[in-house]
Amino acid sequence: MNIYDIAREANVSIATVSRVLNDSGNVRDVTKQRVEAVLKKHNYIPSGIARGMVTNSLKTIGIVTIDIRNLYYANVAHSIEQSLSILGFNTILCNTGYDSEQKINYLKMLVEKKVDSIILVGSPFKDPNLDKPIERISKNIPVIIVNGHFGYPNTYSVRCDDSKALEKCVEYLVSKGRKNFLYLYDAETFSGNQKLRGFKNAVSKYNVKSDIFLIKPGLEEAYNKTKELLENDYTFDAVLTSEDMSAIGALKCLKANNLNVPADVSVMGFNNSILSICCTPTLSTVDSKTEQLGQIAVKVLHAVLQGEKVDPDTIIEADLVLRQTT
């Protein structure tokens, strides 16, 4: 049963059936009721593709993440999907991994699917290999990136002020008398570099000692690096990390080496994930507002699709969440 069959049985034109399906008005009540009766009789479900050809919109948004298993990406993507659903949009969720070619392949697929827009979740998409593809895509549809920035026309950034967040962390710990800082970070992404900049600015401002190390992501990597530093007689009374998982790795190592947290060493993570309340002692961290970032990304996108003027770069402030490790 297609729209032609519906029109024939209801004794109306195809245009009339289309107006009823799209609730676009200009149909007499008696005619509308007759068409709706035929639609109900045959349990007719209109083709989304056909409707999209008429409206020039499939009401579908591509949500692209590196790895949905990552708690940060998962929380932001969930917030985006829920907010889009409220607005009547469908979503296609893609997990690209870190390989640039894979990222590009997924972006090509979404463009071929005729999505209305693409939302990139996470600063790993600020990849030099993606600059040209993103610039080309944004000439046809808006591209939103959460915690990144492209700067091309029709691209929009929604991000947390990671630099200021790290400055807040250092400022707080300095106020508690900490003087020897260790910073462990696990990514040289847009966000990772913003955090690093904030840390460097703050330790310089307060003239405190600091050591900085780039490590691979993961609890074990942070544990091993902390152990190595202790064995090599590094002195620190505060550990800051770019992710909660790394902070917990450092915390476990400090406890294994009979260091009291927070009496001997304070520890702070980043992102306020569920992990931060699953460890002992509970972890002080930075609330980077994952749910709010997702909601704002959708708000920005909806305004763009409505033809409204939108600020291309939206920045929100993070909060410190102070728990037992400080």
Protein backbone atom coordinates (compact mmCIF):
# COMPACT_ATOMS: atom_id res chain seq x y z
CA MET A 1 0.00 0.00 0.00
CA ASN A 2 1.50 3.33 -1.10
CA ILE A 3 0.36 6.93 -1.25
CA TYR A 4 -1.19 6.38 -4.70
CA ASP A 5 -3.35 3.55 -3.36
CA ILE A 6 -4.43 5.67 -0.40
CA ALA A 7 -5.40 8.54 -2.69
CA ARG A 8 -7.35 6.21 -5.01
CA GLU A 9 -9.35 4.57 -2.18
CA ALA A 10 -10.09 7.91 -0.46
CA ASN A 11 -11.02 9.44 -3.84
CA VAL A 12 -8.68 12.39 -3.38
CA SER A 13 -5.50 13.65 -5.02
CA ILE A 14 -2.00 12.56 -3.98
CA ALA A 15 -1.33 16.16 -2.92
CA THR A 16 -4.28 15.99 -0.50
CA VAL A 17 -2.96 12.79 1.08
CA SER A 18 0.46 14.44 1.42
CA ARG A 19 -1.08 17.48 3.14
CA VAL A 20 -2.92 15.22 5.59
CA LEU A 21 0.23 13.23 6.34
CA ASN A 22 2.23 16.39 6.92
CA ASP A 23 -0.62 18.14 8.76
CA SER A 24 -0.07 21.17 6.55
CA GLY A 25 -3.69 22.40 6.58
CA ASN A 26 -5.82 23.51 3.62
CA VAL A 27 -7.83 20.27 3.76
CA ARG A 28 -11.55 20.26 4.64
CA ASP A 29 -12.37 18.38 7.83
CA VAL A 30 -14.62 15.88 6.07
CA THR A 31 -11.93 15.11 3.49
CA LYS A 32 -9.23 14.86 6.16
CA GLN A 33 -11.35 12.40 8.14
CA ARG A 34 -11.93 10.26 5.04
CA VAL A 35 -8.19 10.11 4.28
CA GLU A 36 -7.31 9.38 7.91
CA ALA A 37 -9.84 6.52 7.96
CA VAL A 38 -8.15 4.89 4.96
CA LEU A 39 -4.70 5.42 6.51
CA LYS A 40 -5.85 3.79 9.74
CA LYS A 41 -7.57 0.91 7.91
CA HIS A 42 -4.32 -0.08 6.21
CA ASN A 43 -1.96 0.87 9.10
CA TYR A 44 -0.15 3.09 6.61
CA ILE A 45 3.33 4.29 7.64
CA PRO A 46 4.68 7.06 5.39
CA SER A 47 8.14 6.74 3.90
CA GLY A 48 10.64 8.89 5.77
CA ILE A 49 12.79 9.10 2.65
CA ALA A 50 9.87 10.24 0.50
CA ARG A 51 8.86 12.81 3.08
CA GLY A 52 12.45 13.97 3.30
CA MET A 53 12.54 14.56 -0.45
CA VAL A 54 9.52 16.85 -0.10
CA THR A 55 10.69 18.71 3.02
CA ASN A 56 14.42 18.58 2.15
CA SER A 57 15.07 17.11 5.60
CA LEU A 58 15.21 13.53 6.86
CA LYS A 59 15.09 14.79 10.47
CA THR A 60 18.24 12.73 11.11
CA ILE A 61 21.43 13.81 12.86
CA GLY A 62 24.75 11.96 12.86
CA ILE A 63 26.36 11.66 16.31
CA VAL A 64 30.02 10.72 15.93
CA THR A 65 32.24 9.61 18.80
CA ILE A 66 35.63 7.95 19.09
CA ASP A 67 34.54 5.18 21.47
CA ILE A 68 31.13 5.04 23.14
CA ARG A 69 32.63 2.90 25.93
CA ASN A 70 34.46 5.99 27.19
CA LEU A 71 32.32 7.42 30.01
CA TYR A 72 32.80 11.03 28.92
CA TYR A 73 31.80 10.36 25.32
CA ALA A 74 28.92 8.14 26.43
CA ASN A 75 27.44 10.77 28.73
CA VAL A 76 27.66 13.56 26.15
CA ALA A 77 26.28 11.35 23.35
CA HIS A 78 23.39 10.21 25.55
CA SER A 79 22.50 13.80 26.40
CA ILE A 80 22.59 14.75 22.70
CA GLU A 81 20.43 11.79 21.64
CA GLN A 82 17.83 12.46 24.33
CA SER A 83 17.66 16.18 23.50
CA LEU A 84 17.31 15.46 19.76
CA SER A 85 14.56 12.92 20.43
CA ILE A 86 12.51 15.57 22.23
CA LEU A 87 12.76 17.73 19.09
CA GLY A 88 11.64 14.87 16.86
CA PHE A 89 15.02 14.03 15.32
CA ASN A 90 16.33 10.55 14.63
CA THR A 91 20.00 9.79 15.22
CA ILE A 92 22.75 7.65 13.70
CA LEU A 93 25.48 6.88 16.23
CA CYS A 94 28.99 6.17 14.90
CA ASN A 95 32.08 4.91 16.73
CA THR A 96 35.09 5.76 14.61
CA GLY A 97 38.07 4.80 16.75
CA TYR A 98 41.17 6.99 16.58
CA ASP A 99 42.26 6.23 13.01
CA SER A 100 41.88 9.29 10.76
CA GLU A 101 40.84 7.25 7.73
CA GLN A 102 38.08 5.58 9.71
CA LYS A 103 36.84 8.97 10.92
CA ILE A 104 36.69 10.21 7.32
CA ASN A 105 34.87 7.04 6.16
CA TYR A 106 32.18 7.50 8.78
CA LEU A 107 31.75 11.16 7.88
CA LYS A 108 31.38 10.23 4.19
CA MET A 109 28.75 7.62 5.10
CA LEU A 110 26.70 10.17 7.05
CA VAL A 111 26.85 12.65 4.18
CA GLU A 112 25.68 9.91 1.80
CA LYS A 113 22.81 9.18 4.22
CA LYS A 114 21.71 12.81 3.76
CA VAL A 115 21.77 13.67 7.47
CA ASP A 116 20.70 17.18 8.41
CA SER A 117 23.81 17.78 10.50
CA ILE A 118 26.75 16.06 12.18
CA ILE A 119 27.66 16.43 15.86
CA LEU A 120 31.21 15.40 16.74
CA VAL A 121 31.69 14.34 20.37
CA GLY A 122 35.15 15.00 21.74
CA SER A 123 38.30 16.92 20.91
CA PRO A 124 40.02 13.98 19.09
CA PHE A 125 37.99 15.11 16.07
CA LYS A 126 40.12 18.27 15.98
CA ASP A 127 42.40 16.18 13.79
CA PRO A 128 44.52 17.93 11.09
CA ASN A 129 43.53 15.15 8.69
CA LEU A 130 39.87 16.09 9.16
CA ASP A 131 40.23 19.82 8.56
CA LYS A 132 39.61 19.71 4.80
CA PRO A 133 36.81 17.08 4.95
CA ILE A 134 35.03 19.06 7.68
CA GLU A 135 35.40 22.28 5.71
CA ARG A 136 33.82 20.59 2.65
CA ILE A 137 30.99 19.03 4.66
CA SER A 138 30.17 22.30 6.43
CA LYS A 139 29.49 23.97 3.08
CA ASN A 140 26.33 21.84 2.85
CA ILE A 141 25.30 21.02 6.43
CA PRO A 142 26.16 22.46 9.85
CA VAL A 143 28.82 20.66 11.89
CA ILE A 144 28.86 20.92 15.68
CA ILE A 145 31.89 19.82 17.72
CA VAL A 146 31.79 19.29 21.48
CA ASN A 147 35.10 20.27 23.11
CA GLY A 148 36.87 21.26 19.93
CA HIS A 149 37.04 24.15 17.48
CA PHE A 150 37.34 24.30 13.68
CA GLY A 151 36.61 27.95 12.90
CA TYR A 152 35.12 27.33 9.44
CA PRO A 153 31.82 28.89 8.33
CA ASN A 154 28.85 26.74 9.40
CA THR A 155 30.88 24.96 12.10
CA TYR A 156 30.00 25.49 15.76
CA SER A 157 31.89 24.74 18.96
CA VAL A 158 30.37 23.89 22.33
CA ARG A 159 33.02 23.41 24.96
CA CYS A 160 33.97 23.53 28.60
CA ASP A 161 36.65 26.00 29.68
CA ASP A 162 39.18 23.25 30.46
CA SER A 163 42.05 25.70 30.87
CA LYS A 164 40.29 27.69 33.55
CA ALA A 165 39.22 24.46 35.28
CA LEU A 166 42.85 23.37 35.76
CA GLU A 167 43.71 26.83 37.03
CA LYS A 168 40.94 26.46 39.61
CA CYS A 169 42.33 23.09 40.71
CA VAL A 170 45.82 24.48 41.27
CA GLU A 171 44.48 27.59 43.00
CA TYR A 172 42.43 25.48 45.41
CA LEU A 173 45.30 23.15 46.29
CA VAL A 174 47.70 26.05 46.75
CA SER A 175 45.20 27.49 49.23
CA LYS A 176 45.50 24.18 51.10
CA GLY A 177 49.27 24.55 51.33
CA ARG A 178 50.34 22.32 48.44
CA LYS A 179 53.65 23.33 46.83
CA ASN A 180 54.89 20.42 44.69
CA PHE A 181 52.57 19.49 41.84
CA LEU A 182 52.49 16.47 39.54
CA TYR A 183 50.33 16.61 36.40
CA LEU A 184 49.54 13.48 34.37
CA TYR A 185 47.71 13.90 31.08
CA ASP A 186 46.86 11.31 28.45
CA ALA A 187 46.06 13.12 25.21
CA GLU A 188 47.50 15.90 23.07
CA THR A 189 44.07 16.82 21.76
CA PHE A 190 42.41 20.23 21.69
CA SER A 191 40.98 19.61 25.17
CA GLY A 192 44.18 18.01 26.45
CA ASN A 193 46.21 21.01 25.35
CA GLN A 194 43.74 23.41 26.94
CA LYS A 195 44.06 21.59 30.27
CA LEU A 196 47.85 21.59 30.00
CA ARG A 197 47.88 25.31 29.28
CA GLY A 198 45.72 26.00 32.32
CA PHE A 199 47.98 23.93 34.57
CA LYS A 200 51.13 25.67 33.32
CA ASN A 201 49.55 29.12 33.72
CA ALA A 202 48.52 28.37 37.29
CA VAL A 203 51.80 26.90 38.57
CA SER A 204 53.61 29.85 37.02
CA LYS A 205 51.21 32.31 38.62
CA TYR A 206 51.61 30.78 42.08
CA ASN A 207 55.33 30.02 41.66
CA VAL A 208 55.04 26.41 42.80
CA LYS A 209 57.14 23.43 41.71
CA SER A 210 55.67 21.15 39.02
CA ASP A 211 56.42 18.07 36.97
CA ILE A 212 54.39 17.16 33.87
CA PHE A 213 54.17 13.77 32.14
CA LEU A 214 52.26 12.56 29.10
CA ILE A 215 51.06 8.98 29.64
CA LYS A 216 48.92 6.50 27.76
CA PRO A 217 45.24 6.44 28.80
CA GLY A 218 44.25 4.02 31.53
CA LEU A 219 44.41 3.21 35.21
CA GLU A 220 47.42 0.92 34.90
CA GLU A 221 49.48 3.50 33.00
CA ALA A 222 48.89 6.13 35.67
CA TYR A 223 49.66 3.60 38.41
CA ASN A 224 52.94 2.61 36.78
CA LYS A 225 54.04 6.19 36.10
CA THR A 226 53.32 7.20 39.71
CA LYS A 227 55.25 4.17 40.95
CA GLU A 228 58.21 5.04 38.68
CA LEU A 229 58.28 8.62 39.97
CA LEU A 230 58.17 7.50 43.61
CA GLU A 231 61.00 5.04 42.99
CA ASN A 232 63.04 7.84 41.42
CA ASP A 233 62.51 10.08 44.47
CA TYR A 234 60.26 12.66 42.81
CA THR A 235 58.72 14.90 45.45
CA PHE A 236 55.07 15.92 45.12
CA ASP A 237 52.22 16.66 47.49
CA ALA A 238 49.50 17.13 44.84
CA VAL A 239 48.57 15.03 41.82
CA LEU A 240 46.33 16.44 39.09
CA THR A 241 45.22 14.43 36.07
CA SER A 242 43.33 15.05 32.84
CA GLU A 243 40.88 12.15 33.47
CA ASP A 244 39.34 10.47 36.51
CA MET A 245 40.70 7.07 35.48
CA SER A 246 44.28 8.35 35.61
CA ALA A 247 43.67 9.95 39.00
CA ILE A 248 42.40 6.65 40.40
CA GLY A 249 45.48 4.87 39.05
CA ALA A 250 47.70 7.37 40.85
CA LEU A 251 45.56 7.08 43.99
CA LYS A 252 45.90 3.29 44.07
CA CYS A 253 49.68 3.55 43.72
CA LEU A 254 49.97 6.12 46.52
CA LYS A 255 47.96 3.89 48.85
CA ALA A 256 50.02 0.84 47.86
CA ASN A 257 53.13 2.79 48.87
CA ASN A 258 51.67 3.74 52.27
CA LEU A 259 51.15 7.40 51.42
CA ASN A 260 48.13 8.95 53.08
CA VAL A 261 45.63 10.72 50.81
CA PRO A 262 44.99 13.57 51.39
CA ALA A 263 47.29 14.09 54.38
CA ASP A 264 50.50 13.40 52.42
CA VAL A 265 49.28 13.90 48.85
CA SER A 266 46.12 15.47 47.42
CA VAL A 267 44.64 13.94 44.26
CA MET A 268 42.23 15.47 41.74
CA GLY A 269 40.76 14.02 38.56
CA PHE A 270 38.73 15.47 35.72
CA ASN A 271 35.17 14.91 34.33
CA ASN A 272 33.29 13.92 37.52
CA SER A 273 32.58 10.43 36.16
CA ILE A 274 30.83 7.71 38.15
CA LEU A 275 34.32 6.32 38.88
CA SER A 276 35.05 9.28 41.15
CA ILE A 277 32.59 8.01 43.78
CA CYS A 278 33.44 4.32 43.31
CA CYS A 279 36.95 4.55 44.76
CA THR A 280 38.17 4.91 48.33
CA PRO A 281 38.73 7.63 49.31
CA THR A 282 36.25 9.29 46.98
CA LEU A 283 37.89 11.41 44.30
CA SER A 284 37.87 15.18 44.06
CA THR A 285 37.41 16.11 40.42
CA VAL A 286 36.22 18.66 37.87
CA ASP A 287 32.60 18.63 36.74
CA SER A 288 32.96 19.38 33.03
CA LYS A 289 29.16 19.49 32.58
CA THR A 290 28.78 16.61 30.11
CA GLU A 291 24.97 16.62 30.16
CA GLN A 292 24.82 20.39 29.74
CA LEU A 293 27.30 20.30 26.85
CA GLY A 294 25.08 17.82 25.00
CA GLN A 295 21.96 19.88 25.60
CA ILE A 296 23.63 23.10 24.47
CA ALA A 297 25.00 21.40 21.34
CA VAL A 298 21.46 20.42 20.35
CA LYS A 299 20.12 23.88 21.22
CA VAL A 300 22.77 25.47 18.99
CA LEU A 301 22.04 23.03 16.17
CA HIS A 302 18.29 23.57 16.34
CA ALA A 303 18.74 27.34 16.19
CA VAL A 304 21.02 26.98 13.16
CA LEU A 305 18.52 24.73 11.37
CA GLN A 306 15.80 27.31 12.11
CA GLY A 307 17.89 29.95 10.36
CA GLU A 308 18.72 31.88 13.52
CA LYS A 309 21.99 33.69 14.10
CA VAL A 310 24.17 31.65 16.47
CA ASP A 311 27.46 32.32 18.24
CA PRO A 312 29.98 29.94 16.62
CA ASP A 313 31.79 29.28 19.91
CA THR A 314 29.91 28.57 23.15
CA ILE A 315 32.05 28.14 26.27
CA ILE A 316 30.74 27.07 29.68
CA GLU A 317 32.55 27.08 33.01
CA ALA A 318 33.39 23.91 34.92
CA ASP A 319 32.92 23.38 38.68
CA LEU A 320 35.20 21.78 41.23
CA VAL A 321 33.69 18.79 43.06
CA LEU A 322 35.59 18.40 46.32
CA ARG A 323 35.62 14.98 47.96
CA GLN A 324 37.87 12.97 50.27
CA THR A 325 41.11 12.99 48.19
CA THR A 326 41.59 16.71 48.90
